[in-house]
Amino acid sequence: MMPFLIAAIFYVNHLSVKGVIDKTTLQQFGFVLFFLGLVSWALLILGTKGKDRRFYITVFITFIIIKLIRTGLGW
């Protein structure tokens, strides 16, 4: 799933640079890709055990906190 997300991000960025999609559509793509990223992280966490699980949960929570801070600041 991660290669799909990375390819989708690059493709949406390409369309944005070309001016094919507007700001609202770009924002909707961002929400969808963010949700798919959350799903992939959840699947990754559920599939691991022990120390790896703690590491992935820590990274996941850090990512969510950074995303909330960026949203709060309007970035």
PDB file of N, CA and C in Angstrom:
ATOM      1  N   MET A   1       0.817  -1.192   0.000  1.00  0.00           N
ATOM      2  CA  MET A   1       0.000   0.000   0.000  1.00  0.00           C
ATOM      3  C   MET A   1       0.866   1.265   0.000  1.00  0.00           C
ATOM      4  N   MET A   2       2.022   1.194   0.648  1.00  0.00           N
ATOM      5  CA  MET A   2       2.874   2.377   0.711  1.00  0.00           C
ATOM      6  C   MET A   2       3.372   2.831  -0.661  1.00  0.00           C
ATOM      7  N   PRO A   3       3.796   1.915  -1.549  1.00  0.00           N
ATOM      8  CA  PRO A   3       4.204   2.386  -2.883  1.00  0.00           C
ATOM      9  C   PRO A   3       3.062   3.082  -3.622  1.00  0.00           C
ATOM     10  N   PHE A   4       1.838   2.605  -3.422  1.00  0.00           N
ATOM     11  CA  PHE A   4       0.680   3.261  -4.028  1.00  0.00           C
ATOM     12  C   PHE A   4       0.518   4.676  -3.492  1.00  0.00           C
ATOM     13  N   LEU A   5       0.672   4.848  -2.183  1.00  0.00           N
ATOM     14  CA  LEU A   5       0.531   6.178  -1.590  1.00  0.00           C
ATOM     15  C   LEU A   5       1.608   7.125  -2.110  1.00  0.00           C
ATOM     16  N   ILE A   6       2.827   6.640  -2.198  1.00  0.00           N
ATOM     17  CA  ILE A   6       3.919   7.485  -2.688  1.00  0.00           C
ATOM     18  C   ILE A   6       3.689   7.871  -4.144  1.00  0.00           C
ATOM     19  N   ALA A   7       3.267   6.907  -4.958  1.00  0.00           N
ATOM     20  CA  ALA A   7       2.979   7.201  -6.366  1.00  0.00           C
ATOM     21  C   ALA A   7       1.819   8.182  -6.488  1.00  0.00           C
ATOM     22  N   ALA A   8       0.801   8.031  -5.656  1.00  0.00           N
ATOM     23  CA  ALA A   8      -0.350   8.932  -5.698  1.00  0.00           C
ATOM     24  C   ALA A   8       0.055  10.350  -5.299  1.00  0.00           C
ATOM     25  N   ILE A   9       0.917  10.468  -4.303  1.00  0.00           N
ATOM     26  CA  ILE A   9       1.377  11.796  -3.881  1.00  0.00           C
ATOM     27  C   ILE A   9       2.142  12.484  -5.011  1.00  0.00           C
ATOM     28  N   PHE A  10       3.039  11.748  -5.665  1.00  0.00           N
ATOM     29  CA  PHE A  10       3.791  12.338  -6.773  1.00  0.00           C
ATOM     30  C   PHE A  10       2.878  12.710  -7.943  1.00  0.00           C
ATOM     31  N   TYR A  11       1.885  11.869  -8.218  1.00  0.00           N
ATOM     32  CA  TYR A  11       0.970  12.154  -9.327  1.00  0.00           C
ATOM     33  C   TYR A  11       0.111  13.385  -9.030  1.00  0.00           C
ATOM     34  N   VAL A  12      -0.401  13.485  -7.816  1.00  0.00           N
ATOM     35  CA  VAL A  12      -1.204  14.652  -7.442  1.00  0.00           C
ATOM     36  C   VAL A  12      -0.342  15.909  -7.472  1.00  0.00           C
ATOM     37  N   ASN A  13       0.907  15.807  -7.013  1.00  0.00           N
ATOM     38  CA  ASN A  13       1.820  16.942  -7.072  1.00  0.00           C
ATOM     39  C   ASN A  13       2.066  17.356  -8.520  1.00  0.00           C
ATOM     40  N   HIS A  14       2.239  16.378  -9.401  1.00  0.00           N
ATOM     41  CA  HIS A  14       2.444  16.658 -10.828  1.00  0.00           C
ATOM     42  C   HIS A  14       1.234  17.395 -11.407  1.00  0.00           C
ATOM     43  N   LEU A  15       0.030  16.916 -11.086  1.00  0.00           N
ATOM     44  CA  LEU A  15      -1.182  17.573 -11.583  1.00  0.00           C
ATOM     45  C   LEU A  15      -1.321  18.982 -11.021  1.00  0.00           C
ATOM     46  N   SER A  16      -0.930  19.161  -9.772  1.00  0.00           N
ATOM     47  CA  SER A  16      -1.023  20.478  -9.150  1.00  0.00           C
ATOM     48  C   SER A  16      -0.063  21.464  -9.808  1.00  0.00           C
ATOM     49  N   VAL A  17       1.160  21.026 -10.080  1.00  0.00           N
ATOM     50  CA  VAL A  17       2.151  21.896 -10.718  1.00  0.00           C
ATOM     51  C   VAL A  17       1.703  22.277 -12.121  1.00  0.00           C
ATOM     52  N   LYS A  18       1.109  21.338 -12.832  1.00  0.00           N
ATOM     53  CA  LYS A  18       0.621  21.610 -14.191  1.00  0.00           C
ATOM     54  C   LYS A  18      -0.610  22.515 -14.187  1.00  0.00           C
ATOM     55  N   GLY A  19      -1.260  22.667 -13.035  1.00  0.00           N
ATOM     56  CA  GLY A  19      -2.456  23.502 -12.955  1.00  0.00           C
ATOM     57  C   GLY A  19      -3.723  22.790 -13.388  1.00  0.00           C
ATOM     58  N   VAL A  20      -3.688  21.467 -13.424  1.00  0.00           N
ATOM     59  CA  VAL A  20      -4.845  20.690 -13.865  1.00  0.00           C
ATOM     60  C   VAL A  20      -5.931  20.665 -12.794  1.00  0.00           C
ATOM     61  N   ILE A  21      -5.530  20.633 -11.518  1.00  0.00           N
ATOM     62  CA  ILE A  21      -6.512  20.577 -10.440  1.00  0.00           C
ATOM     63  C   ILE A  21      -6.426  21.847  -9.605  1.00  0.00           C
ATOM     64  N   ASP A  22      -7.559  22.236  -9.044  1.00  0.00           N
ATOM     65  CA  ASP A  22      -7.592  23.453  -8.236  1.00  0.00           C
ATOM     66  C   ASP A  22      -7.307  23.132  -6.766  1.00  0.00           C
ATOM     67  N   LYS A  23      -7.346  24.163  -5.936  1.00  0.00           N
ATOM     68  CA  LYS A  23      -6.969  24.018  -4.533  1.00  0.00           C
ATOM     69  C   LYS A  23      -7.921  23.099  -3.775  1.00  0.00           C
ATOM     70  N   THR A  24      -9.216  23.201  -4.040  1.00  0.00           N
ATOM     71  CA  THR A  24     -10.193  22.376  -3.333  1.00  0.00           C
ATOM     72  C   THR A  24      -9.997  20.897  -3.649  1.00  0.00           C
ATOM     73  N   THR A  25      -9.802  20.589  -4.913  1.00  0.00           N
ATOM     74  CA  THR A  25      -9.577  19.197  -5.308  1.00  0.00           C
ATOM     75  C   THR A  25      -8.279  18.676  -4.714  1.00  0.00           C
ATOM     76  N   LEU A  26      -7.264  19.514  -4.686  1.00  0.00           N
ATOM     77  CA  LEU A  26      -5.984  19.129  -4.093  1.00  0.00           C
ATOM     78  C   LEU A  26      -6.156  18.823  -2.609  1.00  0.00           C
ATOM     79  N   GLN A  27      -6.959  19.624  -1.924  1.00  0.00           N
ATOM     80  CA  GLN A  27      -7.220  19.394  -0.506  1.00  0.00           C
ATOM     81  C   GLN A  27      -7.974  18.080  -0.298  1.00  0.00           C
ATOM     82  N   GLN A  28      -8.928  17.783  -1.161  1.00  0.00           N
ATOM     83  CA  GLN A  28      -9.661  16.521  -1.050  1.00  0.00           C
ATOM     84  C   GLN A  28      -8.744  15.330  -1.288  1.00  0.00           C
ATOM     85  N   PHE A  29      -7.846  15.431  -2.271  1.00  0.00           N
ATOM     86  CA  PHE A  29      -6.859  14.378  -2.488  1.00  0.00           C
ATOM     87  C   PHE A  29      -5.997  14.197  -1.237  1.00  0.00           C
ATOM     88  N   GLY A  30      -5.636  15.298  -0.615  1.00  0.00           N
ATOM     89  CA  GLY A  30      -4.833  15.230   0.604  1.00  0.00           C
ATOM     90  C   GLY A  30      -5.543  14.489   1.715  1.00  0.00           C
ATOM     91  N   PHE A  31      -6.830  14.757   1.896  1.00  0.00           N
ATOM     92  CA  PHE A  31      -7.598  14.062   2.925  1.00  0.00           C
ATOM     93  C   PHE A  31      -7.671  12.560   2.643  1.00  0.00           C
ATOM     94  N   VAL A  32      -7.919  12.206   1.390  1.00  0.00           N
ATOM     95  CA  VAL A  32      -8.014  10.786   1.022  1.00  0.00           C
ATOM     96  C   VAL A  32      -6.677  10.084   1.229  1.00  0.00           C
ATOM     97  N   LEU A  33      -5.594  10.708   0.786  1.00  0.00           N
ATOM     98  CA  LEU A  33      -4.274  10.096   0.947  1.00  0.00           C
ATOM     99  C   LEU A  33      -3.883   9.999   2.416  1.00  0.00           C
ATOM    100  N   PHE A  34      -4.254  10.997   3.209  1.00  0.00           N
ATOM    101  CA  PHE A  34      -3.981  10.947   4.644  1.00  0.00           C
ATOM    102  C   PHE A  34      -4.739   9.788   5.282  1.00  0.00           C
ATOM    103  N   PHE A  35      -6.014   9.617   4.916  1.00  0.00           N
ATOM    104  CA  PHE A  35      -6.811   8.520   5.460  1.00  0.00           C
ATOM    105  C   PHE A  35      -6.225   7.163   5.055  1.00  0.00           C
ATOM    106  N   LEU A  36      -5.811   7.028   3.799  1.00  0.00           N
ATOM    107  CA  LEU A  36      -5.194   5.777   3.355  1.00  0.00           C
ATOM    108  C   LEU A  36      -3.874   5.520   4.091  1.00  0.00           C
ATOM    109  N   GLY A  37      -3.152   6.590   4.380  1.00  0.00           N
ATOM    110  CA  GLY A  37      -1.927   6.442   5.164  1.00  0.00           C
ATOM    111  C   GLY A  37      -2.214   5.941   6.569  1.00  0.00           C
ATOM    112  N   LEU A  38      -3.285   6.464   7.182  1.00  0.00           N
ATOM    113  CA  LEU A  38      -3.671   5.989   8.514  1.00  0.00           C
ATOM    114  C   LEU A  38      -4.043   4.511   8.481  1.00  0.00           C
ATOM    115  N   VAL A  39      -4.775   4.116   7.463  1.00  0.00           N
ATOM    116  CA  VAL A  39      -5.169   2.710   7.337  1.00  0.00           C
ATOM    117  C   VAL A  39      -3.940   1.821   7.174  1.00  0.00           C
ATOM    118  N   SER A  40      -2.992   2.248   6.350  1.00  0.00           N
ATOM    119  CA  SER A  40      -1.799   1.422   6.145  1.00  0.00           C
ATOM    120  C   SER A  40      -0.973   1.324   7.429  1.00  0.00           C
ATOM    121  N   TRP A  41      -0.890   2.412   8.197  1.00  0.00           N
ATOM    122  CA  TRP A  41      -0.169   2.355   9.473  1.00  0.00           C
ATOM    123  C   TRP A  41      -0.875   1.434  10.451  1.00  0.00           C
ATOM    124  N   ALA A  42      -2.209   1.496  10.477  1.00  0.00           N
ATOM    125  CA  ALA A  42      -2.961   0.617  11.372  1.00  0.00           C
ATOM    126  C   ALA A  42      -2.728  -0.849  11.012  1.00  0.00           C
ATOM    127  N   LEU A  43      -2.727  -1.163   9.726  1.00  0.00           N
ATOM    128  CA  LEU A  43      -2.464  -2.537   9.302  1.00  0.00           C
ATOM    129  C   LEU A  43      -1.043  -2.959   9.659  1.00  0.00           C
ATOM    130  N   LEU A  44      -0.098  -2.037   9.528  1.00  0.00           N
ATOM    131  CA  LEU A  44       1.285  -2.339   9.881  1.00  0.00           C
ATOM    132  C   LEU A  44       1.411  -2.612  11.375  1.00  0.00           C
ATOM    133  N   ILE A  45       0.742  -1.798  12.196  1.00  0.00           N
ATOM    134  CA  ILE A  45       0.798  -1.973  13.649  1.00  0.00           C
ATOM    135  C   ILE A  45       0.148  -3.291  14.052  1.00  0.00           C
ATOM    136  N   LEU A  46      -0.987  -3.616  13.450  1.00  0.00           N
ATOM    137  CA  LEU A  46      -1.674  -4.856  13.801  1.00  0.00           C
ATOM    138  C   LEU A  46      -0.888  -6.093  13.380  1.00  0.00           C
ATOM    139  N   GLY A  47      -0.036  -5.958  12.398  1.00  0.00           N
ATOM    140  CA  GLY A  47       0.723  -7.105  11.911  1.00  0.00           C
ATOM    141  C   GLY A  47       2.056  -7.322  12.601  1.00  0.00           C
ATOM    142  N   THR A  48       2.426  -6.468  13.564  1.00  0.00           N
ATOM    143  CA  THR A  48       3.725  -6.600  14.231  1.00  0.00           C
ATOM    144  C   THR A  48       3.541  -6.983  15.689  1.00  0.00           C
ATOM    145  N   LYS A  49       4.650  -7.380  16.328  1.00  0.00           N
ATOM    146  CA  LYS A  49       4.610  -7.783  17.736  1.00  0.00           C
ATOM    147  C   LYS A  49       5.799  -7.187  18.478  1.00  0.00           C
ATOM    148  N   GLY A  50       5.655  -7.063  19.786  1.00  0.00           N
ATOM    149  CA  GLY A  50       6.761  -6.696  20.662  1.00  0.00           C
ATOM    150  C   GLY A  50       7.323  -5.307  20.439  1.00  0.00           C
ATOM    151  N   LYS A  51       8.664  -5.223  20.374  1.00  0.00           N
ATOM    152  CA  LYS A  51       9.349  -3.937  20.258  1.00  0.00           C
ATOM    153  C   LYS A  51       8.986  -3.213  18.968  1.00  0.00           C
ATOM    154  N   ASP A  52       8.832  -3.970  17.887  1.00  0.00           N
ATOM    155  CA  ASP A  52       8.476  -3.338  16.616  1.00  0.00           C
ATOM    156  C   ASP A  52       7.133  -2.631  16.718  1.00  0.00           C
ATOM    157  N   ARG A  53       6.181  -3.265  17.397  1.00  0.00           N
ATOM    158  CA  ARG A  53       4.858  -2.659  17.538  1.00  0.00           C
ATOM    159  C   ARG A  53       4.956  -1.348  18.312  1.00  0.00           C
ATOM    160  N   ARG A  54       5.736  -1.335  19.389  1.00  0.00           N
ATOM    161  CA  ARG A  54       5.892  -0.101  20.163  1.00  0.00           C
ATOM    162  C   ARG A  54       6.530   1.000  19.318  1.00  0.00           C
ATOM    163  N   PHE A  55       7.512   0.636  18.515  1.00  0.00           N
ATOM    164  CA  PHE A  55       8.169   1.616  17.643  1.00  0.00           C
ATOM    165  C   PHE A  55       7.173   2.205  16.648  1.00  0.00           C
ATOM    166  N   TYR A  56       6.401   1.341  15.973  1.00  0.00           N
ATOM    167  CA  TYR A  56       5.446   1.821  14.979  1.00  0.00           C
ATOM    168  C   TYR A  56       4.354   2.672  15.616  1.00  0.00           C
ATOM    169  N   ILE A  57       3.906   2.301  16.804  1.00  0.00           N
ATOM    170  CA  ILE A  57       2.891   3.102  17.490  1.00  0.00           C
ATOM    171  C   ILE A  57       3.462   4.468  17.851  1.00  0.00           C
ATOM    172  N   THR A  58       4.705   4.514  18.318  1.00  0.00           N
ATOM    173  CA  THR A  58       5.341   5.793  18.651  1.00  0.00           C
ATOM    174  C   THR A  58       5.460   6.683  17.418  1.00  0.00           C
ATOM    175  N   VAL A  59       5.900   6.117  16.313  1.00  0.00           N
ATOM    176  CA  VAL A  59       6.017   6.891  15.072  1.00  0.00           C
ATOM    177  C   VAL A  59       4.645   7.365  14.611  1.00  0.00           C
ATOM    178  N   PHE A  60       3.648   6.503  14.708  1.00  0.00           N
ATOM    179  CA  PHE A  60       2.288   6.839  14.293  1.00  0.00           C
ATOM    180  C   PHE A  60       1.729   7.994  15.124  1.00  0.00           C
ATOM    181  N   ILE A  61       1.871   7.927  16.434  1.00  0.00           N
ATOM    182  CA  ILE A  61       1.363   8.989  17.308  1.00  0.00           C
ATOM    183  C   ILE A  61       2.117  10.289  17.054  1.00  0.00           C
ATOM    184  N   THR A  62       3.430  10.216  16.862  1.00  0.00           N
ATOM    185  CA  THR A  62       4.212  11.415  16.546  1.00  0.00           C
ATOM    186  C   THR A  62       3.732  12.044  15.250  1.00  0.00           C
ATOM    187  N   PHE A  63       3.466  11.217  14.246  1.00  0.00           N
ATOM    188  CA  PHE A  63       2.962  11.711  12.969  1.00  0.00           C
ATOM    189  C   PHE A  63       1.616  12.416  13.142  1.00  0.00           C
ATOM    190  N   ILE A  64       0.725  11.834  13.930  1.00  0.00           N
ATOM    191  CA  ILE A  64      -0.594  12.435  14.164  1.00  0.00           C
ATOM    192  C   ILE A  64      -0.445  13.770  14.889  1.00  0.00           C
ATOM    193  N   ILE A  65       0.414  13.833  15.890  1.00  0.00           N
ATOM    194  CA  ILE A  65       0.605  15.084  16.636  1.00  0.00           C
ATOM    195  C   ILE A  65       1.167  16.167  15.721  1.00  0.00           C
ATOM    196  N   ILE A  66       2.153  15.823  14.899  1.00  0.00           N
ATOM    197  CA  ILE A  66       2.715  16.805  13.965  1.00  0.00           C
ATOM    198  C   ILE A  66       1.652  17.279  12.986  1.00  0.00           C
ATOM    199  N   LYS A  67       0.831  16.351  12.502  1.00  0.00           N
ATOM    200  CA  LYS A  67      -0.239  16.717  11.567  1.00  0.00           C
ATOM    201  C   LYS A  67      -1.240  17.661  12.239  1.00  0.00           C
ATOM    202  N   LEU A  68      -1.599  17.396  13.485  1.00  0.00           N
ATOM    203  CA  LEU A  68      -2.535  18.269  14.197  1.00  0.00           C
ATOM    204  C   LEU A  68      -1.938  19.655  14.428  1.00  0.00           C
ATOM    205  N   ILE A  69      -0.656  19.714  14.762  1.00  0.00           N
ATOM    206  CA  ILE A  69       0.004  21.008  14.957  1.00  0.00           C
ATOM    207  C   ILE A  69       0.030  21.785  13.643  1.00  0.00           C
ATOM    208  N   ARG A  70       0.378  21.111  12.550  1.00  0.00           N
ATOM    209  CA  ARG A  70       0.411  21.783  11.244  1.00  0.00           C
ATOM    210  C   ARG A  70      -0.977  22.276  10.848  1.00  0.00           C
ATOM    211  N   THR A  71      -2.003  21.476  11.122  1.00  0.00           N
ATOM    212  CA  THR A  71      -3.367  21.889  10.805  1.00  0.00           C
ATOM    213  C   THR A  71      -3.764  23.092  11.650  1.00  0.00           C
ATOM    214  N   GLY A  72      -3.403  23.065  12.925  1.00  0.00           N
ATOM    215  CA  GLY A  72      -3.723  24.181  13.810  1.00  0.00           C
ATOM    216  C   GLY A  72      -3.035  25.473  13.399  1.00  0.00           C
ATOM    217  N   LEU A  73      -1.827  25.368  12.869  1.00  0.00           N
ATOM    218  CA  LEU A  73      -1.091  26.551  12.425  1.00  0.00           C
ATOM    219  C   LEU A  73      -1.481  26.986  11.015  1.00  0.00           C
ATOM    220  N   GLY A  74      -2.253  26.153  10.329  1.00  0.00           N
ATOM    221  CA  GLY A  74      -2.706  26.508   8.990  1.00  0.00           C
ATOM    222  C   GLY A  74      -1.704  26.215   7.897  1.00  0.00           C
ATOM    223  N   TRP A  75      -0.789  25.292   8.143  1.00  0.00           N
ATOM    224  CA  TRP A  75       0.213  24.948   7.119  1.00  0.00           C
ATOM    225  C   TRP A  75      -0.333  23.917   6.186  1.00  0.00           C
TER     226      TRP A  75
END
